[in-house]
Amino acid sequence: MTRGTIQNRDAFLQTIAGRLGRSPRLSGVSRPQWDYAPQWTVFAGYSQDDLLMALRKQCTLIHTDYIETTSAELAGVLKQQVAAYGGGPVIVPNDPRFAEYGLFSLLQDEWPAEQTDVHVWNPALGRQNIDAAEQANVGIAFSDITLAESGTVVLFSRNEQGRAIHFLPKTYIAIVPKSTVVPRMTQAAAIIHEQIEKGALVPSCINFITGPSNSADIEMNLVVGVHGPMKAAYIIVTDR
């Protein structure tokens, strides 16, 4: 994918500068150094274990099941949680982390042997992937960044991981490596900005998901499970 071109930039900047009563500034511009930056002080000094405690507490407020395990026990815990949500069909992205975390046998052997349908997202199948997501009981994916303050998982969409995995199944499970947990949105934005500065290709769609779907009317009466997954679980892998 190539970078786009900017049309009529000079004319646009000239108009803005003219309204400000000065010439366009095309160089020598630096970001201001603010005396206060409260966005960086939330959970400042927290260890990774402290952030997990904050995430666990937040999950109780967003109606999300919070489970801690190790990479060695992950397959069994994931299988148990899927069963608790009613079993398959299951849909997952084509993500190498499933093999890295010892889940390949569960997806390719154990569940199929038990007649649990597993659909792996395949861009070559086009619309069939969305149909599979609509029919799935459980969607499973890895969190790329996790926000302790709000209990949010951040997921980068790509050809092998369509966003329908996160929104169309009846229930949803996010596998959260402990190393992905950061204090809040501030750090997530900084990570994404750093990738852009390094020239990395940023996904066209970045999903921020905070527990199961919910809505509240003007009286602030919370309704959970109204336009997406009715239940959600975060499985924290504490040694990764």
Protein backbone atom coordinates (compact mmCIF):
# COMPACT_ATOMS: atom_id res chain seq x y z
CA MET A 1 0.00 0.00 0.00
CA THR A 2 1.51 3.35 -1.04
CA ARG A 3 1.14 6.65 0.77
CA GLY A 4 -1.41 9.04 -0.67
CA THR A 5 -0.59 12.41 -2.20
CA ILE A 6 -1.68 15.76 -0.78
CA GLN A 7 -3.59 17.99 -3.19
CA ASN A 8 -3.62 21.82 -3.00
CA ARG A 9 -1.64 21.88 0.25
CA ASP A 10 0.16 25.17 -0.43
CA ALA A 11 -3.05 26.99 -1.33
CA PHE A 12 -4.76 25.61 1.75
CA LEU A 13 -1.92 26.66 4.09
CA GLN A 14 -1.75 30.09 2.44
CA THR A 15 -5.44 30.63 3.14
CA ILE A 16 -5.09 29.62 6.79
CA ALA A 17 -2.00 31.81 7.26
CA GLY A 18 -3.77 34.73 5.61
CA ARG A 19 -6.66 34.44 8.05
CA LEU A 20 -4.10 34.50 10.88
CA GLY A 21 -2.45 37.60 9.40
CA ARG A 22 0.96 36.08 8.75
CA SER A 23 2.97 34.09 6.20
CA PRO A 24 2.81 30.27 6.16
CA ARG A 25 5.25 28.56 8.51
CA LEU A 26 6.66 25.54 6.71
CA SER A 27 9.63 24.84 8.99
CA GLY A 28 10.94 25.55 12.47
CA VAL A 29 7.69 24.61 14.16
CA SER A 30 8.01 22.61 17.38
CA ARG A 31 5.49 21.17 19.79
CA PRO A 32 4.85 23.33 22.87
CA GLN A 33 6.20 22.16 26.21
CA TRP A 34 3.23 22.29 28.55
CA ASP A 35 3.72 22.93 32.26
CA TYR A 36 1.16 20.27 33.07
CA ALA A 37 0.49 17.00 31.30
CA PRO A 38 -2.14 15.20 33.42
CA GLN A 39 -2.73 12.60 30.72
CA TRP A 40 0.64 11.05 31.61
CA THR A 41 0.12 10.96 35.38
CA VAL A 42 -2.70 8.41 35.53
CA PHE A 43 -1.18 5.25 37.05
CA ALA A 44 2.27 6.84 36.86
CA GLY A 45 4.83 4.65 38.59
CA TYR A 46 2.60 1.57 38.49
CA SER A 47 4.33 -1.75 37.97
CA GLN A 48 2.94 -4.28 35.52
CA ASP A 49 1.36 -6.13 38.45
CA ASP A 50 -0.24 -2.89 39.66
CA LEU A 51 -1.70 -2.33 36.20
CA LEU A 52 -3.17 -5.85 36.26
CA MET A 53 -4.89 -5.07 39.55
CA ALA A 54 -6.39 -1.92 38.04
CA LEU A 55 -7.49 -3.86 34.96
CA ARG A 56 -9.10 -6.57 37.10
CA LYS A 57 -11.05 -3.97 39.08
CA GLN A 58 -12.22 -2.22 35.92
CA CYS A 59 -13.44 -5.50 34.41
CA THR A 60 -15.96 -5.84 37.24
CA LEU A 61 -17.41 -2.47 36.21
CA ILE A 62 -17.69 -3.30 32.51
CA HIS A 63 -19.27 -6.74 33.02
CA THR A 64 -16.26 -8.61 31.67
CA ASP A 65 -14.95 -11.95 32.93
CA TYR A 66 -11.32 -11.58 34.06
CA ILE A 67 -9.16 -14.72 34.09
CA GLU A 68 -5.44 -15.05 34.78
CA THR A 69 -3.37 -17.97 33.57
CA THR A 70 0.06 -18.89 32.25
CA SER A 71 1.01 -19.74 28.69
CA ALA A 72 1.38 -23.41 29.73
CA GLU A 73 -2.21 -23.49 31.01
CA LEU A 74 -3.73 -21.20 28.38
CA ALA A 75 -5.12 -23.90 26.08
CA GLY A 76 -7.04 -25.56 28.91
CA VAL A 77 -8.34 -22.27 30.27
CA LEU A 78 -9.44 -21.10 26.82
CA LYS A 79 -11.22 -24.38 26.14
CA GLN A 80 -13.00 -24.15 29.49
CA GLN A 81 -14.11 -20.56 28.87
CA VAL A 82 -15.46 -21.37 25.42
CA ALA A 83 -17.44 -24.23 26.98
CA ALA A 84 -18.76 -21.81 29.64
CA TYR A 85 -20.02 -19.58 26.84
CA GLY A 86 -21.84 -22.47 25.20
CA GLY A 87 -19.19 -23.93 22.88
CA GLY A 88 -18.73 -23.33 19.17
CA PRO A 89 -18.83 -22.39 16.42
CA VAL A 90 -15.60 -20.48 16.98
CA ILE A 91 -13.95 -17.89 14.72
CA VAL A 92 -10.33 -16.73 15.04
CA PRO A 93 -7.93 -14.64 12.96
CA ASN A 94 -5.03 -16.21 11.10
CA ASP A 95 -2.58 -15.08 13.78
CA PRO A 96 0.82 -16.73 14.40
CA ARG A 97 0.40 -16.05 18.12
CA PHE A 98 -2.06 -18.94 18.38
CA ALA A 99 0.82 -21.29 17.53
CA GLU A 100 3.33 -19.34 19.64
CA TYR A 101 1.07 -19.66 22.69
CA GLY A 102 0.47 -23.39 22.24
CA LEU A 103 -3.10 -23.17 20.90
CA PHE A 104 -2.55 -24.77 17.49
CA SER A 105 -3.52 -28.27 18.63
CA LEU A 106 -6.71 -26.97 20.28
CA LEU A 107 -7.80 -25.17 17.11
CA GLN A 108 -6.73 -27.77 14.57
CA ASP A 109 -7.20 -31.07 16.43
CA GLU A 110 -9.10 -31.03 19.72
CA TRP A 111 -12.08 -28.88 18.83
CA PRO A 112 -12.61 -30.40 15.36
CA ALA A 113 -12.44 -33.89 16.92
CA GLU A 114 -15.20 -32.82 19.30
CA GLN A 115 -17.32 -31.52 16.41
CA THR A 116 -16.65 -27.90 17.39
CA ASP A 117 -16.44 -25.88 14.21
CA VAL A 118 -13.45 -23.53 14.00
CA HIS A 119 -13.24 -20.94 11.23
CA VAL A 120 -9.87 -19.27 10.62
CA TRP A 121 -10.21 -15.91 8.86
CA ASN A 122 -9.01 -16.22 5.28
CA PRO A 123 -9.06 -13.10 3.06
CA ALA A 124 -9.34 -15.30 -0.02
CA LEU A 125 -12.80 -16.40 1.15
CA GLY A 126 -14.21 -12.88 1.12
CA ARG A 127 -17.81 -12.69 2.31
CA GLN A 128 -17.67 -16.22 3.70
CA ASN A 129 -15.60 -14.89 6.61
CA ILE A 130 -18.34 -12.43 7.58
CA ASP A 131 -20.97 -15.15 7.30
CA ALA A 132 -18.87 -17.35 9.60
CA ALA A 133 -18.57 -14.49 12.10
CA GLU A 134 -22.34 -14.01 12.07
CA GLN A 135 -22.87 -17.69 12.81
CA ALA A 136 -20.09 -17.98 15.40
CA ASN A 137 -20.89 -18.31 19.09
CA VAL A 138 -17.41 -17.22 20.17
CA GLY A 139 -14.87 -14.89 18.59
CA ILE A 140 -11.30 -15.13 19.88
CA ALA A 141 -8.38 -12.77 19.24
CA PHE A 142 -5.21 -11.45 20.84
CA SER A 143 -5.09 -7.93 22.27
CA ASP A 144 -2.31 -5.81 20.76
CA ILE A 145 -2.49 -3.10 23.45
CA THR A 146 -4.58 -3.22 26.63
CA LEU A 147 -5.71 -0.17 28.62
CA ALA A 148 -5.84 -0.75 32.37
CA GLU A 149 -7.79 2.42 33.17
CA SER A 150 -10.82 1.61 31.02
CA GLY A 151 -10.52 -2.16 30.56
CA THR A 152 -10.11 -1.74 26.82
CA VAL A 153 -8.45 -4.11 24.37
CA VAL A 154 -6.91 -2.54 21.26
CA LEU A 155 -6.91 -4.67 18.12
CA PHE A 156 -5.21 -3.91 14.81
CA SER A 157 -7.22 -5.13 11.83
CA ARG A 158 -5.43 -6.62 8.84
CA ASN A 159 -6.16 -8.95 5.96
CA GLU A 160 -5.93 -11.98 8.22
CA GLN A 161 -8.03 -10.42 11.00
CA GLY A 162 -11.25 -8.77 9.93
CA ARG A 163 -13.07 -6.59 12.43
CA ALA A 164 -16.18 -8.78 12.15
CA ILE A 165 -14.42 -11.29 14.43
CA HIS A 166 -14.80 -8.84 17.31
CA PHE A 167 -18.36 -7.66 16.73
CA LEU A 168 -20.55 -10.33 15.13
CA PRO A 169 -20.16 -13.46 17.32
CA LYS A 170 -22.52 -13.92 20.26
CA THR A 171 -19.64 -13.84 22.77
CA TYR A 172 -16.04 -12.67 22.67
CA ILE A 173 -12.75 -13.70 24.28
CA ALA A 174 -9.61 -11.56 24.17
CA ILE A 175 -6.29 -13.17 24.99
CA VAL A 176 -4.25 -10.50 26.76
CA PRO A 177 -0.49 -10.93 27.15
CA LYS A 178 0.54 -9.19 30.37
CA SER A 179 3.20 -7.25 28.46
CA THR A 180 0.51 -5.48 26.40
CA VAL A 181 -1.08 -3.77 29.42
CA VAL A 182 -0.46 0.00 29.59
CA PRO A 183 -2.08 2.64 31.81
CA ARG A 184 -4.50 4.29 29.39
CA MET A 185 -5.30 5.70 25.94
CA THR A 186 -2.35 8.10 26.19
CA GLN A 187 0.18 5.28 25.97
CA ALA A 188 -1.74 3.50 23.20
CA ALA A 189 -1.70 6.66 21.09
CA ALA A 190 2.02 7.08 21.75
CA ILE A 191 2.74 3.51 20.64
CA ILE A 192 0.76 3.99 17.43
CA HIS A 193 2.47 7.35 16.79
CA GLU A 194 5.88 5.74 17.29
CA GLN A 195 5.04 3.10 14.69
CA ILE A 196 4.07 5.84 12.24
CA GLU A 197 7.33 7.70 12.91
CA LYS A 198 9.27 4.52 12.15
CA GLY A 199 7.48 4.22 8.80
CA ALA A 200 5.43 1.18 9.78
CA LEU A 201 2.19 0.61 7.91
CA VAL A 202 -0.54 1.44 10.40
CA PRO A 203 -3.75 -0.61 10.06
CA SER A 204 -6.64 1.14 8.35
CA CYS A 205 -8.89 0.05 11.22
CA ILE A 206 -7.92 0.00 14.91
CA ASN A 207 -10.64 -1.29 17.22
CA PHE A 208 -10.96 -0.19 20.85
CA ILE A 209 -13.25 -2.67 22.61
CA THR A 210 -14.33 -2.28 26.22
CA GLY A 211 -16.09 -5.42 27.36
CA PRO A 212 -19.38 -6.69 25.91
CA SER A 213 -21.61 -4.43 23.83
CA ASN A 214 -23.70 -2.06 25.91
CA SER A 215 -25.83 1.03 25.66
CA ALA A 216 -27.43 3.49 28.05
CA ASP A 217 -30.43 5.71 27.45
CA ILE A 218 -30.75 9.31 28.63
CA GLU A 219 -31.59 8.09 32.15
CA MET A 220 -28.25 6.21 32.18
CA ASN A 221 -29.80 2.77 32.54
CA LEU A 222 -27.11 0.39 31.31
CA VAL A 223 -28.19 -2.38 28.94
CA VAL A 224 -25.56 -5.02 28.16
CA GLY A 225 -25.49 -7.09 24.99
CA VAL A 226 -27.61 -4.99 22.67
CA HIS A 227 -25.66 -4.67 19.41
CA GLY A 228 -22.70 -7.03 19.59
CA PRO A 229 -21.21 -9.74 21.83
CA MET A 230 -23.46 -10.34 24.82
CA LYS A 231 -20.59 -11.57 26.99
CA ALA A 232 -16.86 -10.93 26.98
CA ALA A 233 -13.84 -12.40 28.76
CA TYR A 234 -10.23 -11.30 29.02
CA ILE A 235 -7.75 -14.12 29.56
CA ILE A 236 -4.56 -12.58 30.92
CA VAL A 237 -1.38 -14.53 30.13
CA THR A 238 0.77 -13.53 33.10
CA ASP A 239 4.13 -14.85 31.86
CA ARG A 240 4.08 -13.27 28.38
